[in-house]
């Protein structure tokens, strides 16, 4: 579960120290059957569900993804989609958050994108966003980002294919829903579940 990103942990010596908040997230998530999906498969599900083209897929991959969506409700994929990105919980200078959000490579997600989809959540002083992996070292140096147990910056770093258009500043609604479902705060997780239910009624 640590390797797949289901549990957050740090290795100290020969022991893994697991973040209790990630254990709580695991218990509160409706778990779907099956192994975690590879990033490109996870993004394909999220993009097709949002009505956008997953143009990186082969015809066979597109057919398989459509079949997966026909055979299961979207929420059944939690937490199989967690490998879509590596999540970093960081601390930035509060005055830098607005500048970070304006960086060309950054697209808002989670609590920072909730208002775009009529989710009534407020997280003042927190930025949650997606970023291509190749830009992460540069931004970490530029803004002196450090891992933190009380983060004000949650970065979902995407390795490999960047699934969003260049102009994208807010990620699609299904991505936001899963970001919220994976949050530490129970109220935020409830909001993610409600957004998923709105996106996939019945």
Protein backbone atom coordinates (compact mmCIF):
# COMPACT_ATOMS: atom_id res chain seq x y z
CA UNK A 1 0.00 0.00 0.00
CA UNK A 2 2.94 2.34 0.63
CA UNK A 3 4.48 1.49 -2.75
CA UNK A 4 1.16 2.11 -4.51
CA UNK A 5 0.59 5.44 -2.75
CA UNK A 6 -2.40 4.26 -0.72
CA UNK A 7 -0.56 4.96 2.55
CA UNK A 8 1.83 7.86 3.13
CA UNK A 9 5.01 6.82 4.92
CA UNK A 10 8.68 7.64 5.48
CA UNK A 11 11.40 5.05 5.94
CA UNK A 12 13.60 5.62 8.98
CA UNK A 13 16.33 3.02 9.27
CA UNK A 14 14.66 -0.35 8.72
CA UNK A 15 11.19 0.83 9.77
CA UNK A 16 8.36 2.48 7.90
CA UNK A 17 6.61 5.30 9.80
CA UNK A 18 3.05 5.56 8.45
CA UNK A 19 1.13 8.83 8.52
CA UNK A 20 -2.00 8.18 10.67
CA UNK A 21 -4.04 10.54 8.48
CA UNK A 22 -3.47 8.28 5.48
CA UNK A 23 -4.70 5.28 7.51
CA UNK A 24 -7.87 7.23 8.28
CA UNK A 25 -8.28 8.09 4.58
CA UNK A 26 -7.90 4.41 3.71
CA UNK A 27 -10.63 3.40 6.19
CA UNK A 28 -13.00 6.13 5.03
CA UNK A 29 -12.67 5.40 1.30
CA UNK A 30 -15.03 3.02 -0.46
CA UNK A 31 -12.48 0.55 -1.78
CA UNK A 32 -12.86 -0.87 -5.26
CA UNK A 33 -11.53 -4.27 -6.20
CA UNK A 34 -8.34 -4.62 -8.17
CA UNK A 35 -4.77 -3.40 -8.20
CA UNK A 36 -3.87 0.30 -8.53
CA UNK A 37 -3.93 1.41 -12.15
CA UNK A 38 -0.92 2.71 -14.02
CA UNK A 39 -0.92 6.52 -14.33
CA UNK A 40 -1.93 6.58 -18.01
CA UNK A 41 -4.86 4.22 -17.31
CA UNK A 42 -5.96 6.27 -14.30
CA UNK A 43 -5.89 9.49 -16.33
CA UNK A 44 -7.80 7.83 -19.15
CA UNK A 45 -10.66 6.95 -16.80
CA UNK A 46 -10.78 10.46 -15.35
CA UNK A 47 -10.67 12.15 -18.75
CA UNK A 48 -13.27 9.97 -20.44
CA UNK A 49 -15.57 10.41 -17.45
CA UNK A 50 -15.21 14.20 -17.78
CA UNK A 51 -16.05 14.05 -21.49
CA UNK A 52 -12.54 14.96 -22.64
CA UNK A 53 -10.36 13.16 -25.15
CA UNK A 54 -7.61 10.90 -23.81
CA UNK A 55 -5.55 11.38 -26.95
CA UNK A 56 -2.53 9.48 -25.59
CA UNK A 57 -4.43 6.17 -25.67
CA UNK A 58 -4.13 3.56 -28.38
CA UNK A 59 -7.45 2.38 -29.89
CA UNK A 60 -7.14 -0.78 -27.78
CA UNK A 61 -6.51 1.27 -24.62
CA UNK A 62 -9.48 3.50 -25.39
CA UNK A 63 -11.74 0.48 -25.85
CA UNK A 64 -10.54 -1.07 -22.58
CA UNK A 65 -11.10 2.16 -20.65
CA UNK A 66 -14.63 2.55 -22.01
CA UNK A 67 -15.35 -1.04 -21.01
CA UNK A 68 -14.09 -0.38 -17.47
CA UNK A 69 -16.38 2.63 -17.15
CA UNK A 70 -19.38 0.66 -18.44
CA UNK A 71 -18.78 -2.14 -15.93
CA UNK A 72 -18.25 -0.08 -12.75
CA UNK A 73 -19.29 3.20 -11.21
CA UNK A 74 -16.55 5.81 -10.97
CA UNK A 75 -16.36 5.75 -7.16
CA UNK A 76 -15.58 2.02 -7.32
CA UNK A 77 -12.13 2.94 -8.69
CA UNK A 78 -11.04 4.56 -5.40
CA UNK A 79 -8.20 4.23 -4.47
CA UNK A 80 -7.12 2.56 -7.72
CA UNK A 81 -6.52 6.01 -9.21
CA UNK A 82 -4.05 7.22 -6.59
CA UNK A 83 -1.04 6.47 -8.76
CA UNK A 84 -2.11 9.19 -11.20
CA UNK A 85 0.37 11.47 -9.39
CA UNK A 86 2.81 11.55 -6.50
CA UNK A 87 1.40 13.80 -3.78
CA UNK A 88 3.79 16.08 -1.89
CA UNK A 89 2.61 17.85 1.27
CA UNK A 90 4.76 20.93 1.54
CA UNK A 91 5.21 24.23 3.30
CA UNK A 92 5.67 27.41 1.28
CA UNK A 93 5.87 31.01 2.40
CA UNK A 94 2.23 32.18 2.56
CA UNK A 95 3.07 35.15 0.37
CA UNK A 96 4.28 32.82 -2.39
CA UNK A 97 1.09 30.78 -2.79
CA UNK A 98 -0.58 33.20 -5.22
CA UNK A 99 2.63 33.36 -7.29
CA UNK A 100 2.83 29.56 -7.33
CA UNK A 101 -0.77 29.33 -8.56
CA UNK A 102 0.11 31.65 -11.46
CA UNK A 103 3.09 29.56 -12.60
CA UNK A 104 2.44 28.44 -16.22
CA UNK A 105 2.90 24.74 -15.42
CA UNK A 106 0.52 24.72 -12.43
CA UNK A 107 -3.15 23.65 -12.63
CA UNK A 108 -5.37 23.99 -9.57
CA UNK A 109 -6.98 20.87 -8.13
CA UNK A 110 -8.66 19.65 -4.94
CA UNK A 111 -9.71 22.33 -2.47
CA UNK A 112 -8.30 25.08 -4.70
CA UNK A 113 -10.54 24.04 -7.61
CA UNK A 114 -13.64 23.10 -5.61
CA UNK A 115 -15.42 26.42 -6.09
CA UNK A 116 -15.22 25.98 -9.89
CA UNK A 117 -17.57 22.99 -9.52
CA UNK A 118 -19.95 24.49 -6.95
CA UNK A 119 -18.39 22.64 -4.01
CA UNK A 120 -18.75 24.80 -0.94
CA UNK A 121 -15.35 24.36 0.67
CA UNK A 122 -13.06 27.03 1.98
CA UNK A 123 -9.35 26.45 2.51
CA UNK A 124 -7.82 29.91 2.96
CA UNK A 125 -4.07 29.93 2.92
CA UNK A 126 -3.81 26.55 1.15
CA UNK A 127 -2.96 25.79 -2.47
CA UNK A 128 -3.65 22.37 -3.99
CA UNK A 129 -2.45 21.89 -7.54
CA UNK A 130 -1.03 19.61 -10.24
CA UNK A 131 2.43 20.01 -11.71
CA UNK A 132 4.49 18.11 -14.31
CA UNK A 133 7.37 16.25 -12.63
CA UNK A 134 10.02 17.99 -14.73
CA UNK A 135 9.09 21.36 -13.19
CA UNK A 136 9.06 20.22 -9.56
CA UNK A 137 12.81 20.59 -8.76
CA UNK A 138 12.89 24.11 -10.18
CA UNK A 139 9.83 25.28 -8.25
CA UNK A 140 11.05 23.58 -5.06
CA UNK A 141 14.29 25.59 -5.30
CA UNK A 142 12.62 28.83 -6.38
CA UNK A 143 10.08 28.83 -3.54
CA UNK A 144 12.16 26.97 -0.91
CA UNK A 145 9.53 24.25 -0.56
CA UNK A 146 9.92 21.82 2.32
CA UNK A 147 7.94 18.70 3.36
CA UNK A 148 5.61 19.49 6.27
CA UNK A 149 3.16 17.78 8.60
CA UNK A 150 1.03 20.96 8.48
CA UNK A 151 1.20 21.75 4.73
CA UNK A 152 -0.16 24.83 3.05
CA UNK A 153 0.81 23.46 -0.38
CA UNK A 154 -0.38 20.11 -1.71
CA UNK A 155 1.30 19.33 -5.02
CA UNK A 156 0.23 16.36 -7.15
CA UNK A 157 3.30 15.78 -9.30
CA UNK A 158 2.60 13.96 -12.58
CA UNK A 159 5.41 11.89 -14.03
CA UNK A 160 5.42 11.01 -17.72
CA UNK A 161 2.57 12.21 -19.93
CA UNK A 162 1.01 15.52 -18.79
CA UNK A 163 -2.71 14.92 -19.38
CA UNK A 164 -3.98 18.52 -19.32
CA UNK A 165 -3.99 21.08 -22.15
CA UNK A 166 -1.31 23.73 -21.93
CA UNK A 167 -3.87 26.40 -21.09
CA UNK A 168 -5.48 24.34 -18.28
CA UNK A 169 -5.50 26.19 -14.94
CA UNK A 170 -8.24 24.12 -13.24
CA UNK A 171 -8.32 20.32 -13.56
CA UNK A 172 -11.54 18.48 -14.60
CA UNK A 173 -14.29 17.80 -12.06
CA UNK A 174 -13.67 14.04 -11.63
CA UNK A 175 -10.02 14.76 -10.77
CA UNK A 176 -11.11 17.33 -8.18
CA UNK A 177 -13.56 14.82 -6.69
CA UNK A 178 -10.84 12.22 -6.15
CA UNK A 179 -8.47 14.87 -4.75
CA UNK A 180 -11.13 15.72 -2.16
CA UNK A 181 -11.78 12.04 -1.40
CA UNK A 182 -8.08 11.60 -0.58
CA UNK A 183 -7.91 14.58 1.80
CA UNK A 184 -7.05 14.34 5.49
CA UNK A 185 -10.15 16.26 6.61
CA UNK A 186 -13.44 14.25 6.92
CA UNK A 187 -15.52 17.24 5.76
CA UNK A 188 -13.42 17.52 2.61
CA UNK A 189 -13.78 13.80 1.92
CA UNK A 190 -17.56 14.10 2.26
CA UNK A 191 -17.51 16.94 -0.26
CA UNK A 192 -15.55 14.73 -2.66
CA UNK A 193 -18.09 11.95 -2.31
CA UNK A 194 -20.96 14.39 -2.94
CA UNK A 195 -19.23 15.76 -6.04
CA UNK A 196 -18.75 12.23 -7.39
CA UNK A 197 -22.44 11.51 -6.81
CA UNK A 198 -23.35 14.65 -8.74
CA UNK A 199 -21.09 13.65 -11.61
CA UNK A 200 -22.47 10.10 -11.70
CA UNK A 201 -26.10 10.23 -10.46
CA UNK A 202 -28.31 7.19 -10.02
